[in-house]
Amino acid sequence: MSHTISSPSDVRLALAAGRFPTWLRNYRQTLGLTQDQLAAAINAKGGNVINGSVICHWETGSRRPNGMNLIAMCIAMEVSIVDAQQVLMAEHEEPLTSDNQPG
C-alpha cells in the first residue's frame, strides 16, 4: 500500500476536529483505500480477522474497534494510537458498542 502520509500534526488536528467515524472515513479515503483494503491491512498487521463490513460499522458509528483492531488500524494507517484513542474518547461523542466480535 503506497500513500502520502500527512504530518503527525495534521493527523492530530483532523482527529481533534471531528469524531472517530467521520475521521476514519475521511482519512481512509484520503489514503485511497476501500473499506475492504483497510480491513485486509488491519488483518495483516495483527488485528482480529475482519472484513469491509466491520469498517463500515466503524464509519457509521454503530461499533468501535476493539483494542487489538485499533492498534492494527493505527499501524496500517501510520497514525499514532494516542491520537486515535483521544478522538474515540472525546467528551462530545456518545457511548458506542465496542467491537468485540472477531468478524
N, C-alpha and C. Protein backbone atom coordinates (compact mmCIF):
# COMPACT_ATOMS: atom_id res chain seq x y z
N MET A 1 0.86 -1.15 0.00
CA MET A 1 0.00 0.00 0.00
C MET A 1 0.91 1.22 0.00
N SER A 2 0.77 2.06 -1.00
CA SER A 2 1.58 3.28 -1.01
C SER A 2 0.65 4.48 -0.98
N HIS A 3 1.02 5.43 -0.15
CA HIS A 3 0.21 6.63 0.01
C HIS A 3 1.07 7.71 0.63
N THR A 4 0.58 8.92 0.54
CA THR A 4 1.27 10.04 1.17
C THR A 4 0.66 10.25 2.55
N ILE A 5 1.50 10.28 3.56
CA ILE A 5 1.03 10.43 4.93
C ILE A 5 1.07 11.90 5.31
N SER A 6 0.02 12.35 5.94
CA SER A 6 0.01 13.71 6.49
C SER A 6 1.02 13.76 7.62
N SER A 7 1.44 14.96 7.95
CA SER A 7 2.33 15.10 9.09
C SER A 7 1.58 14.72 10.35
N PRO A 8 2.29 14.32 11.42
CA PRO A 8 1.60 13.98 12.66
C PRO A 8 0.71 15.10 13.18
N SER A 9 1.13 16.34 13.02
CA SER A 9 0.30 17.44 13.49
C SER A 9 -0.98 17.56 12.67
N ASP A 10 -0.92 17.29 11.37
CA ASP A 10 -2.13 17.30 10.54
C ASP A 10 -3.11 16.23 11.00
N VAL A 11 -2.59 15.05 11.32
CA VAL A 11 -3.45 13.97 11.78
C VAL A 11 -4.08 14.35 13.11
N ARG A 12 -3.30 14.92 14.04
CA ARG A 12 -3.85 15.33 15.33
C ARG A 12 -4.95 16.37 15.16
N LEU A 13 -4.75 17.32 14.26
CA LEU A 13 -5.76 18.34 14.03
C LEU A 13 -7.04 17.71 13.47
N ALA A 14 -6.89 16.79 12.54
CA ALA A 14 -8.05 16.12 11.95
C ALA A 14 -8.80 15.33 13.02
N LEU A 15 -8.06 14.66 13.88
CA LEU A 15 -8.70 13.89 14.94
C LEU A 15 -9.42 14.80 15.92
N ALA A 16 -8.77 15.90 16.28
CA ALA A 16 -9.37 16.82 17.24
C ALA A 16 -10.59 17.52 16.68
N ALA A 17 -10.63 17.71 15.37
CA ALA A 17 -11.72 18.46 14.74
C ALA A 17 -12.98 17.63 14.56
N GLY A 18 -12.87 16.31 14.60
CA GLY A 18 -14.05 15.51 14.31
C GLY A 18 -14.15 14.27 15.15
N ARG A 19 -15.22 13.60 14.97
CA ARG A 19 -15.47 12.36 15.66
C ARG A 19 -14.81 11.21 14.93
N PHE A 20 -14.61 10.11 15.62
CA PHE A 20 -13.90 8.96 15.05
C PHE A 20 -14.52 8.44 13.76
N PRO A 21 -15.83 8.18 13.69
CA PRO A 21 -16.37 7.63 12.44
C PRO A 21 -16.10 8.52 11.23
N THR A 22 -16.31 9.81 11.40
CA THR A 22 -16.08 10.75 10.30
C THR A 22 -14.60 10.83 9.96
N TRP A 23 -13.76 10.90 10.99
CA TRP A 23 -12.31 10.95 10.76
C TRP A 23 -11.84 9.71 10.03
N LEU A 24 -12.30 8.54 10.49
CA LEU A 24 -11.85 7.29 9.87
C LEU A 24 -12.23 7.24 8.40
N ARG A 25 -13.47 7.55 8.08
CA ARG A 25 -13.91 7.53 6.68
C ARG A 25 -13.09 8.50 5.84
N ASN A 26 -12.95 9.73 6.32
CA ASN A 26 -12.21 10.74 5.56
C ASN A 26 -10.74 10.36 5.38
N TYR A 27 -10.11 9.88 6.45
CA TYR A 27 -8.68 9.54 6.36
C TYR A 27 -8.47 8.32 5.48
N ARG A 28 -9.36 7.32 5.59
CA ARG A 28 -9.26 6.13 4.73
C ARG A 28 -9.37 6.54 3.26
N GLN A 29 -10.32 7.42 2.96
CA GLN A 29 -10.48 7.88 1.58
C GLN A 29 -9.28 8.70 1.12
N THR A 30 -8.70 9.51 2.02
CA THR A 30 -7.50 10.28 1.69
C THR A 30 -6.36 9.35 1.32
N LEU A 31 -6.28 8.21 2.01
CA LEU A 31 -5.24 7.23 1.71
C LEU A 31 -5.54 6.43 0.45
N GLY A 32 -6.74 6.59 -0.08
CA GLY A 32 -7.12 5.88 -1.31
C GLY A 32 -7.46 4.42 -1.09
N LEU A 33 -7.93 4.10 0.12
CA LEU A 33 -8.26 2.72 0.46
C LEU A 33 -9.76 2.50 0.46
N THR A 34 -10.18 1.33 0.00
CA THR A 34 -11.57 0.91 0.17
C THR A 34 -11.71 0.35 1.58
N GLN A 35 -12.93 0.12 2.00
CA GLN A 35 -13.16 -0.49 3.31
C GLN A 35 -12.54 -1.89 3.35
N ASP A 36 -12.68 -2.65 2.28
CA ASP A 36 -12.09 -3.98 2.22
C ASP A 36 -10.56 -3.93 2.28
N GLN A 37 -9.96 -2.96 1.61
CA GLN A 37 -8.50 -2.84 1.64
C GLN A 37 -8.00 -2.48 3.04
N LEU A 38 -8.71 -1.58 3.73
CA LEU A 38 -8.32 -1.25 5.09
C LEU A 38 -8.47 -2.46 6.00
N ALA A 39 -9.56 -3.20 5.85
CA ALA A 39 -9.75 -4.40 6.66
C ALA A 39 -8.61 -5.40 6.42
N ALA A 40 -8.22 -5.59 5.18
CA ALA A 40 -7.11 -6.51 4.87
C ALA A 40 -5.81 -6.02 5.50
N ALA A 41 -5.58 -4.70 5.48
CA ALA A 41 -4.38 -4.13 6.09
C ALA A 41 -4.39 -4.35 7.60
N ILE A 42 -5.55 -4.19 8.23
CA ILE A 42 -5.67 -4.42 9.67
C ILE A 42 -5.41 -5.89 9.98
N ASN A 43 -5.96 -6.78 9.18
CA ASN A 43 -5.72 -8.21 9.37
C ASN A 43 -4.23 -8.52 9.27
N ALA A 44 -3.57 -7.92 8.29
CA ALA A 44 -2.14 -8.17 8.06
C ALA A 44 -1.26 -7.62 9.19
N LYS A 45 -1.76 -6.64 9.92
CA LYS A 45 -0.98 -6.02 11.00
C LYS A 45 -1.30 -6.62 12.37
N GLY A 46 -2.04 -7.73 12.38
CA GLY A 46 -2.27 -8.44 13.63
C GLY A 46 -3.62 -8.22 14.28
N GLY A 47 -4.52 -7.54 13.61
CA GLY A 47 -5.86 -7.36 14.17
C GLY A 47 -6.68 -8.63 14.08
N ASN A 48 -7.86 -8.61 14.70
CA ASN A 48 -8.79 -9.73 14.52
C ASN A 48 -9.16 -9.79 13.05
N VAL A 49 -9.51 -10.97 12.58
CA VAL A 49 -9.89 -11.10 11.17
C VAL A 49 -11.23 -10.40 10.98
N ILE A 50 -11.20 -9.35 10.15
CA ILE A 50 -12.41 -8.57 9.87
C ILE A 50 -12.54 -8.40 8.37
N ASN A 51 -13.66 -7.83 7.95
CA ASN A 51 -13.86 -7.52 6.54
C ASN A 51 -14.38 -6.08 6.42
N GLY A 52 -14.65 -5.67 5.21
CA GLY A 52 -15.08 -4.30 4.95
C GLY A 52 -16.35 -3.91 5.66
N SER A 53 -17.24 -4.87 5.93
CA SER A 53 -18.49 -4.52 6.61
C SER A 53 -18.22 -4.06 8.05
N VAL A 54 -17.16 -4.55 8.67
CA VAL A 54 -16.81 -4.10 10.02
C VAL A 54 -16.33 -2.65 9.95
N ILE A 55 -15.52 -2.33 8.93
CA ILE A 55 -15.07 -0.95 8.74
C ILE A 55 -16.29 -0.05 8.53
N CYS A 56 -17.26 -0.52 7.78
CA CYS A 56 -18.49 0.24 7.56
C CYS A 56 -19.18 0.54 8.89
N HIS A 57 -19.26 -0.45 9.78
CA HIS A 57 -19.86 -0.23 11.11
C HIS A 57 -19.08 0.83 11.89
N TRP A 58 -17.75 0.80 11.80
CA TRP A 58 -16.94 1.80 12.50
C TRP A 58 -17.21 3.19 11.93
N GLU A 59 -17.34 3.27 10.59
CA GLU A 59 -17.51 4.56 9.94
C GLU A 59 -18.92 5.13 10.12
N THR A 60 -19.89 4.29 10.38
CA THR A 60 -21.24 4.79 10.65
C THR A 60 -21.44 5.06 12.14
N GLY A 61 -20.50 4.61 12.94
CA GLY A 61 -20.58 4.85 14.38
C GLY A 61 -21.40 3.84 15.14
N SER A 62 -21.80 2.75 14.50
CA SER A 62 -22.60 1.75 15.22
C SER A 62 -21.73 0.83 16.07
N ARG A 63 -20.44 0.76 15.76
CA ARG A 63 -19.50 -0.04 16.54
C ARG A 63 -18.16 0.68 16.57
N ARG A 64 -17.32 0.30 17.52
CA ARG A 64 -15.96 0.82 17.64
C ARG A 64 -14.98 -0.33 17.51
N PRO A 65 -13.77 -0.04 17.08
CA PRO A 65 -12.77 -1.11 17.04
C PRO A 65 -12.36 -1.50 18.46
N ASN A 66 -12.09 -2.79 18.66
CA ASN A 66 -11.56 -3.20 19.95
C ASN A 66 -10.08 -2.82 20.01
N GLY A 67 -9.45 -3.03 21.12
CA GLY A 67 -8.06 -2.60 21.31
C GLY A 67 -7.11 -3.17 20.28
N MET A 68 -7.21 -4.47 20.00
CA MET A 68 -6.32 -5.10 19.04
C MET A 68 -6.51 -4.51 17.64
N ASN A 69 -7.74 -4.33 17.24
CA ASN A 69 -8.01 -3.76 15.92
C ASN A 69 -7.63 -2.29 15.84
N LEU A 70 -7.80 -1.56 16.92
CA LEU A 70 -7.40 -0.15 16.93
C LEU A 70 -5.89 -0.02 16.73
N ILE A 71 -5.13 -0.84 17.43
CA ILE A 71 -3.67 -0.81 17.28
C ILE A 71 -3.28 -1.19 15.86
N ALA A 72 -3.85 -2.28 15.34
CA ALA A 72 -3.53 -2.72 13.98
C ALA A 72 -3.93 -1.67 12.95
N MET A 73 -5.08 -1.00 13.17
CA MET A 73 -5.52 0.05 12.26
C MET A 73 -4.53 1.21 12.26
N CYS A 74 -4.08 1.59 13.44
CA CYS A 74 -3.13 2.71 13.54
C CYS A 74 -1.81 2.37 12.85
N ILE A 75 -1.34 1.15 13.02
CA ILE A 75 -0.12 0.72 12.34
C ILE A 75 -0.33 0.76 10.83
N ALA A 76 -1.45 0.21 10.37
CA ALA A 76 -1.73 0.14 8.94
C ALA A 76 -1.86 1.53 8.31
N MET A 77 -2.45 2.47 9.06
CA MET A 77 -2.69 3.81 8.53
C MET A 77 -1.59 4.79 8.94
N GLU A 78 -0.59 4.30 9.70
CA GLU A 78 0.52 5.12 10.17
C GLU A 78 0.03 6.33 10.97
N VAL A 79 -0.83 6.04 11.94
CA VAL A 79 -1.41 7.05 12.82
C VAL A 79 -1.03 6.70 14.26
N SER A 80 -0.80 7.69 15.08
CA SER A 80 -0.49 7.48 16.49
C SER A 80 -1.69 6.88 17.21
N ILE A 81 -1.45 5.84 17.99
CA ILE A 81 -2.52 5.24 18.78
C ILE A 81 -3.07 6.23 19.79
N VAL A 82 -2.24 7.09 20.32
CA VAL A 82 -2.68 8.11 21.28
C VAL A 82 -3.69 9.05 20.62
N ASP A 83 -3.38 9.47 19.39
CA ASP A 83 -4.29 10.37 18.68
C ASP A 83 -5.63 9.68 18.41
N ALA A 84 -5.59 8.43 17.98
CA ALA A 84 -6.84 7.71 17.69
C ALA A 84 -7.65 7.50 18.97
N GLN A 85 -6.99 7.17 20.06
CA GLN A 85 -7.71 6.99 21.32
C GLN A 85 -8.36 8.28 21.79
N GLN A 86 -7.68 9.40 21.59
CA GLN A 86 -8.24 10.68 22.02
C GLN A 86 -9.55 10.98 21.33
N VAL A 87 -9.62 10.72 20.04
CA VAL A 87 -10.88 11.00 19.34
C VAL A 87 -11.95 9.99 19.72
N LEU A 88 -11.55 8.74 19.98
CA LEU A 88 -12.53 7.75 20.43
C LEU A 88 -13.13 8.13 21.78
N MET A 89 -12.33 8.75 22.62
CA MET A 89 -12.77 9.07 23.97
C MET A 89 -13.23 10.52 24.12
N ALA A 90 -13.41 11.21 23.00
CA ALA A 90 -13.82 12.62 23.05
C ALA A 90 -15.09 12.77 23.87
N GLU A 91 -15.13 13.82 24.68
CA GLU A 91 -16.26 14.03 25.58
C GLU A 91 -17.59 14.16 24.85
N HIS A 92 -17.57 14.78 23.67
CA HIS A 92 -18.83 15.03 22.97
C HIS A 92 -19.34 13.81 22.20
N GLU A 93 -18.60 12.71 22.23
CA GLU A 93 -19.01 11.54 21.48
C GLU A 93 -19.91 10.65 22.35
N GLU A 94 -20.99 10.16 21.77
CA GLU A 94 -21.88 9.30 22.51
C GLU A 94 -21.22 7.95 22.74
N PRO A 95 -21.61 7.25 23.82
CA PRO A 95 -21.07 5.93 24.05
C PRO A 95 -21.53 4.99 22.95
N LEU A 96 -20.63 4.17 22.46
CA LEU A 96 -20.95 3.21 21.40
C LEU A 96 -20.57 1.81 21.86
N THR A 97 -21.09 0.82 21.17
CA THR A 97 -20.76 -0.56 21.47
C THR A 97 -19.36 -0.86 20.96
N SER A 98 -18.55 -1.51 21.78
CA SER A 98 -17.22 -1.90 21.35
C SER A 98 -17.32 -3.11 20.44
N ASP A 99 -16.46 -3.16 19.46
CA ASP A 99 -16.44 -4.27 18.51
C ASP A 99 -15.65 -5.42 19.12
N ASN A 100 -16.34 -6.28 19.84
CA ASN A 100 -15.68 -7.40 20.49
C ASN A 100 -15.82 -8.69 19.70
N GLN A 101 -16.43 -8.62 18.55
CA GLN A 101 -16.63 -9.80 17.74
C GLN A 101 -15.46 -9.96 16.79
N PRO A 102 -15.01 -11.19 16.54
CA PRO A 102 -13.87 -11.39 15.67
C PRO A 102 -14.14 -11.09 14.21
N GLY A 103 -15.35 -10.97 13.78
CA GLY A 103 -15.59 -10.75 12.36
C GLY A 103 -16.77 -9.96 12.06
